C-alpha atoms as a PDB file:
ATOM      1  CA  MET A   1     -18.078  11.959  -4.945  1.00  0.00           C
ATOM      2  CA  ILE A   2     -16.128  14.984  -3.996  1.00  0.00           C
ATOM      3  CA  ILE A   3     -17.938  17.427  -0.610  1.00  0.00           C
ATOM      4  CA  VAL A   4     -15.990  20.838  -0.674  1.00  0.00           C
ATOM      5  CA  THR A   5     -16.771  24.189   1.124  1.00  0.00           C
ATOM      6  CA  PHE A   6     -16.158  27.571   0.191  1.00  0.00           C
ATOM      7  CA  SER A   7     -13.917  27.458   3.604  1.00  0.00           C
ATOM      8  CA  ASP A   8     -11.606  24.347   2.412  1.00  0.00           C
ATOM      9  CA  PRO A   9      -8.175  25.825   0.625  1.00  0.00           C
ATOM     10  CA  GLU A  10      -7.620  25.507  -2.715  1.00  0.00           C
ATOM     11  CA  GLU A  11      -4.467  22.508  -1.851  1.00  0.00           C
ATOM     12  CA  GLN A  12      -7.169  20.789  -0.063  1.00  0.00           C
ATOM     13  CA  VAL A  13      -9.756  20.989  -3.111  1.00  0.00           C
ATOM     14  CA  VAL A  14      -7.097  19.860  -5.125  1.00  0.00           C
ATOM     15  CA  GLU A  15      -6.004  16.568  -3.464  1.00  0.00           C
ATOM     16  CA  LYS A  16      -9.780  15.699  -3.105  1.00  0.00           C
ATOM     17  CA  ILE A  17      -9.802  15.571  -7.024  1.00  0.00           C
ATOM     18  CA  LYS A  18      -6.672  13.455  -7.217  1.00  0.00           C
ATOM     19  CA  ALA A  19      -8.151  11.037  -4.456  1.00  0.00           C
ATOM     20  CA  VAL A  20     -11.610  10.685  -6.763  1.00  0.00           C
ATOM     21  CA  LEU A  21      -9.415  10.208  -9.913  1.00  0.00           C
ATOM     22  CA  ALA A  22      -7.087   7.770  -8.645  1.00  0.00           C
ATOM     23  CA  GLU A  23     -10.086   5.632  -7.637  1.00  0.00           C
ATOM     24  CA  ASP A  24     -10.696   5.087 -11.245  1.00  0.00           C
ATOM     25  CA  GLN A  25      -7.133   3.380 -12.360  1.00  0.00           C
ATOM     26  CA  GLU A  26      -8.073  -0.315 -12.683  1.00  0.00           C
ATOM     27  CA  ILE A  27      -5.651  -2.524  -9.451  1.00  0.00           C
ATOM     28  CA  GLU A  28      -6.584  -6.002 -10.224  1.00  0.00           C
ATOM     29  CA  CYS A  29      -6.771  -8.939  -7.587  1.00  0.00           C
ATOM     30  CA  ILE A  30      -2.465 -10.039  -7.723  1.00  0.00           C
ATOM     31  CA  PRO A  31      -1.444 -13.531  -6.945  1.00  0.00           C
ATOM     32  CA  ILE A  32       0.469 -13.639  -4.788  1.00  0.00           C
ATOM     33  CA  ALA A  33       2.344 -16.735  -4.442  1.00  0.00           C
ATOM     34  CA  ASP A  34       3.938 -16.161  -8.175  1.00  0.00           C
ATOM     35  CA  GLY A  35       7.051 -16.824  -6.420  1.00  0.00           C
ATOM     36  CA  LYS A  36       8.711 -13.569  -7.350  1.00  0.00           C
ATOM     37  CA  GLU A  37      11.107 -12.770  -5.287  1.00  0.00           C
ATOM     38  CA  MET A  38      11.916  -8.984  -4.781  1.00  0.00           C
ATOM     39  CA  ALA A  39      14.057  -6.859  -2.909  1.00  0.00           C
ATOM     40  CA  PHE A  40      13.642  -2.863  -1.835  1.00  0.00           C
ATOM     41  CA  GLY A  41      16.677  -1.589  -0.186  1.00  0.00           C
ATOM     42  CA  ASP A  42      17.237  -4.219   3.456  1.00  0.00           C
ATOM     43  CA  VAL A  43      14.129  -5.877   3.163  1.00  0.00           C
ATOM     44  CA  GLU A  44      13.327  -9.032   0.509  1.00  0.00           C
ATOM     45  CA  ILE A  45      10.051 -10.726  -0.280  1.00  0.00           C
ATOM     46  CA  HIS A  46       9.626 -14.373  -0.809  1.00  0.00           C
ATOM     47  CA  THR A  47       7.021 -14.625  -2.175  1.00  0.00           C
ATOM     48  CA  LYS A  48       5.813 -17.755  -2.536  1.00  0.00           C
ATOM     49  CA  GLN A  49       6.980 -19.056   0.397  1.00  0.00           C
ATOM     50  CA  ARG A  50       5.245 -15.912   2.269  1.00  0.00           C
ATOM     51  CA  GLN A  51       8.733 -14.820   4.044  1.00  0.00           C
ATOM     52  CA  VAL A  52       9.829 -10.941   4.376  1.00  0.00           C
ATOM     53  CA  PHE A  53      13.609 -10.421   5.756  1.00  0.00           C
ATOM     54  CA  LEU A  54      15.080  -7.209   7.305  1.00  0.00           C
ATOM     55  CA  LYS A  55      18.691  -7.149   6.655  1.00  0.00           C
ATOM     56  CA  GLY A  56      18.894 -10.850   5.866  1.00  0.00           C
ATOM     57  CA  LYS A  57      17.088 -12.032   9.133  1.00  0.00           C
ATOM     58  CA  GLU A  58      13.329 -13.320   9.140  1.00  0.00           C
ATOM     59  CA  VAL A  59      10.631 -10.738  10.008  1.00  0.00           C
ATOM     60  CA  GLU A  60       7.254 -12.089  11.055  1.00  0.00           C
ATOM     61  CA  LEU A  61       3.745 -10.413   9.494  1.00  0.00           C
ATOM     62  CA  THR A  62       0.752 -11.340   9.609  1.00  0.00           C
ATOM     63  CA  THR A  63      -1.393 -12.499   6.586  1.00  0.00           C
ATOM     64  CA  ARG A  64      -3.166  -9.175   6.072  1.00  0.00           C
ATOM     65  CA  GLU A  65       0.836  -7.602   6.704  1.00  0.00           C
ATOM     66  CA  PHE A  66       2.692  -9.320   4.174  1.00  0.00           C
ATOM     67  CA  ASP A  67      -0.602  -9.082   1.217  1.00  0.00           C
ATOM     68  CA  VAL A  68      -0.187  -4.820   1.920  1.00  0.00           C
ATOM     69  CA  LEU A  69       3.428  -5.160   1.443  1.00  0.00           C
ATOM     70  CA  TYR A  70       3.226  -7.263  -1.493  1.00  0.00           C
ATOM     71  CA  THR A  71       0.857  -4.892  -3.362  1.00  0.00           C
ATOM     72  CA  LEU A  72       2.955  -2.276  -2.435  1.00  0.00           C
ATOM     73  CA  ALA A  73       6.274  -3.766  -3.960  1.00  0.00           C
ATOM     74  CA  TYR A  74       3.764  -5.681  -6.584  1.00  0.00           C
ATOM     75  CA  TYR A  75       2.775  -1.708  -7.479  1.00  0.00           C
ATOM     76  CA  HIS A  76       6.208   0.155  -6.699  1.00  0.00           C
ATOM     77  CA  ASP A  77       6.025   2.526  -9.127  1.00  0.00           C
ATOM     78  CA  GLN A  78       2.566   3.904  -8.129  1.00  0.00           C
ATOM     79  CA  VAL A  79       0.641   5.558  -5.216  1.00  0.00           C
ATOM     80  CA  LEU A  80      -2.285   3.601  -4.189  1.00  0.00           C
ATOM     81  CA  THR A  81      -4.424   4.437  -2.234  1.00  0.00           C
ATOM     82  CA  THR A  82      -6.110   2.319   0.609  1.00  0.00           C
ATOM     83  CA  ARG A  83      -9.346   1.661  -1.611  1.00  0.00           C
ATOM     84  CA  GLN A  84      -6.615  -0.263  -3.738  1.00  0.00           C
ATOM     85  CA  ILE A  85      -5.013  -2.119  -1.932  1.00  0.00           C
ATOM     86  CA  TYR A  86      -8.247  -3.514  -0.419  1.00  0.00           C
ATOM     87  CA  LYS A  87      -9.407  -4.261  -3.978  1.00  0.00           C
ATOM     88  CA  ALA A  88      -5.460  -6.078  -4.936  1.00  0.00           C
ATOM     89  CA  ILE A  89      -6.133  -8.354  -1.577  1.00  0.00           C
ATOM     90  CA  THR A  90      -9.520  -9.153  -1.585  1.00  0.00           C
ATOM     91  CA  GLY A  91     -10.629  -8.631  -5.782  1.00  0.00           C
ATOM     92  CA  GLU A  92     -13.543  -7.013  -4.041  1.00  0.00           C
ATOM     93  CA  ASP A  93     -14.449  -3.462  -5.662  1.00  0.00           C
ATOM     94  CA  VAL A  94     -16.434  -2.315  -2.436  1.00  0.00           C
ATOM     95  CA  MET A  95     -14.431  -1.395   0.417  1.00  0.00           C
ATOM     96  CA  GLY A  96     -14.874  -3.506   3.502  1.00  0.00           C
ATOM     97  CA  ASP A  97     -12.203  -2.340   6.144  1.00  0.00           C
ATOM     98  CA  TYR A  98     -10.097   1.664   5.438  1.00  0.00           C
ATOM     99  CA  HIS A  99      -8.879   0.845   9.287  1.00  0.00           C
ATOM    100  CA  GLY A 100      -7.162  -2.575   8.712  1.00  0.00           C
ATOM    101  CA  ILE A 101      -5.872  -1.547   5.875  1.00  0.00           C
ATOM    102  CA  GLU A 102      -4.026   1.543   7.605  1.00  0.00           C
ATOM    103  CA  SER A 103      -3.574  -0.572  10.707  1.00  0.00           C
ATOM    104  CA  SER A 104      -1.712  -3.034   8.696  1.00  0.00           C
ATOM    105  CA  VAL A 105       0.948  -0.330   6.984  1.00  0.00           C
ATOM    106  CA  TYR A 106       0.835   0.563  10.730  1.00  0.00           C
ATOM    107  CA  ALA A 107       2.443  -2.816  11.671  1.00  0.00           C
ATOM    108  CA  ILE A 108       4.498  -3.385   8.781  1.00  0.00           C
ATOM    109  CA  ARG A 109       6.459   0.417   9.751  1.00  0.00           C
ATOM    110  CA  LYS A 110       7.556  -0.511  13.063  1.00  0.00           C
ATOM    111  CA  LYS A 111       8.776  -4.212  11.935  1.00  0.00           C
ATOM    112  CA  LEU A 112      10.241  -2.807   8.680  1.00  0.00           C
ATOM    113  CA  GLY A 113      11.140   0.814   9.574  1.00  0.00           C
ATOM    114  CA  HIS A 114       9.208   3.781   9.465  1.00  0.00           C
ATOM    115  CA  ASP A 115      10.368   4.921   6.322  1.00  0.00           C
ATOM    116  CA  ILE A 116       9.897   1.787   4.291  1.00  0.00           C
ATOM    117  CA  ILE A 117       6.495   3.320   3.171  1.00  0.00           C
ATOM    118  CA  GLN A 118       5.551   6.482   1.959  1.00  0.00           C
ATOM    119  CA  ASN A 119       2.764   8.253   2.905  1.00  0.00           C
ATOM    120  CA  VAL A 120       1.577  10.645   0.112  1.00  0.00           C
ATOM    121  CA  ARG A 121      -0.528  12.786   2.083  1.00  0.00           C
ATOM    122  CA  GLY A 122      -4.232  13.407   1.456  1.00  0.00           C
ATOM    123  CA  TYR A 123      -3.573  10.171  -1.199  1.00  0.00           C
ATOM    124  CA  GLY A 124      -2.383   7.372  -0.140  1.00  0.00           C
ATOM    125  CA  TYR A 125       1.049   4.947  -0.145  1.00  0.00           C
ATOM    126  CA  GLN A 126       3.505   4.036  -2.110  1.00  0.00           C
ATOM    127  CA  LEU A 127       7.264   2.443  -1.057  1.00  0.00           C
ATOM    128  CA  LYS A 128       9.829   3.688  -0.999  1.00  0.00           C
ATOM    129  CA  LYS A 129      11.863   4.232  -4.030  1.00  0.00           C
ATOM    130  CA  GLU A 130      15.484   3.640  -4.137  1.00  0.00           C
ATOM    131  CA  GLU A 131      17.835   6.411  -4.307  1.00  0.00           C
END
């Protein structure tokens, strides 16, 4: 559902519409222990061992932080909403904890560097694309 007031700027209305449309993208619960290893700049993700390395040094992440990072890495070519991230991690379509996802993103940024995860305003998150 979209709630718009006459005082909303046009940009904000468009962002709200995009966010609602994005909710319809199918995101499936993904198997995290698939053995796939990924690298994004100085960050390496070893899924089987559930380890993350920054410039070759291991960084401790909580279970939720690892799951969020892995989900963003798995869908690295897409911008994901907090709901899509939650669904990929839990397999549940009902949003249980927006704040938990946002807190995990904050913690990941603190541990791996602020620019590892980009915030797409009014929409969601995406891993920083390599240039």
